[in-house]
């Protein structure tokens, strides 16, 4: 009875959302994902299915799969939610699809031996549908953030029904395990965060600019303004400093460049787009190409890591800038990355208005470092046992 009610509710929500979904289908950011997920455009089932199906949400989770797949040595199927996650997943030896909206899943899902879902991608019809097809289910890198915990507990009755269809939960931390068990999860094991096992490498080597290089990485709307304002203050006494901005989402390249133009004009700074010059020598540089962030961190002295100066994003992965020895400055709203930040030393957590002071303090701090590792072999072995 519950499943029927849930399915009918999902149908009603789908019908009500149709005008918005059609509108979003014409937006650059969603022109592939929305038609694929909500109208099944160019998004057929996996035929024939591989033995193992991984589901991830977006870019970060798709990247986290890489070392797992390298150790697994197994052709897999992958579904994603976002277009950036889809593009990353296409780099692997895998069949890749967008995960359809829940009302389509009972008809779209094929028979796999094992379905592995990353982090907090808890879709009731997904787990129910794959179990009905006879698959084992694993929730990998599972987490419940501080910010989300109370919301999950208010719906604990619902998640208990969902966890009836999940065979194994591999949690990031003891706290996550406790919270997941409170929601009804069974067979929970703490294995750590698989993102610690990612191989961080440069794909290209760029010449480091003269002077101090500050990299504003994975920035979101509103954060660039605060960073540019702080950089304006800092550059008054550190004239050789340069700021390289790498926005999180490519559809924002144009608006971010317009903002940078305003600051460059007001202060008499040089400005360039990386896609046009392939150089990083201007006072301000917009990196308007995807896949370059690690290469840019490799020549950085300080990394201002975005996603945590706003309350609604939850931060981004600090392992990349720490790997390259950048001195990390980030915001205080890093709730989705709390476990990873626990392993990174010498990080400044500041508000938007404190970024300029943090840049000054960074000169006297050692580079950030990663102080933890993870045994991915053991995790892959658990996946093999279920497959």
Foldseek 3Di string as FASTA:
>chain_A
DVVVVVLVVLVVVLVVCVVVLVVCCPPPFCVPQSCCAEVVVVAAADVPAFQEEEEEEAQVVLLLCVVLCVLLVGEHEYEYRGPRSQVSNVVDNYHYGHHHRLNCLLVRDDAHQEYEYEEPPQDQSNLVNNVVSPHAYEYEQYFQFPVRLVVLLVVLVVLLNSLVSHDAYAYADPVRQVSSVSSNHPHYHHFHGSSLVRDQDAPDAADAEPFAEEEAEQADPPLLVLVLVLVVVQCVPRVQYAYEYEHNDLVCLVVSVVVVVVSCVVVVWDEEECVPPVHRHTNYYYDNDPPCVLNSLLNHQAYEFHQALDQPRQTDAPQSNQVNQHQYEYEDRNRVCVRRVVQKPRYHHHHSNCVNVVVVVSVVTGGIHGRDHGDSSVVSVVVVVSD
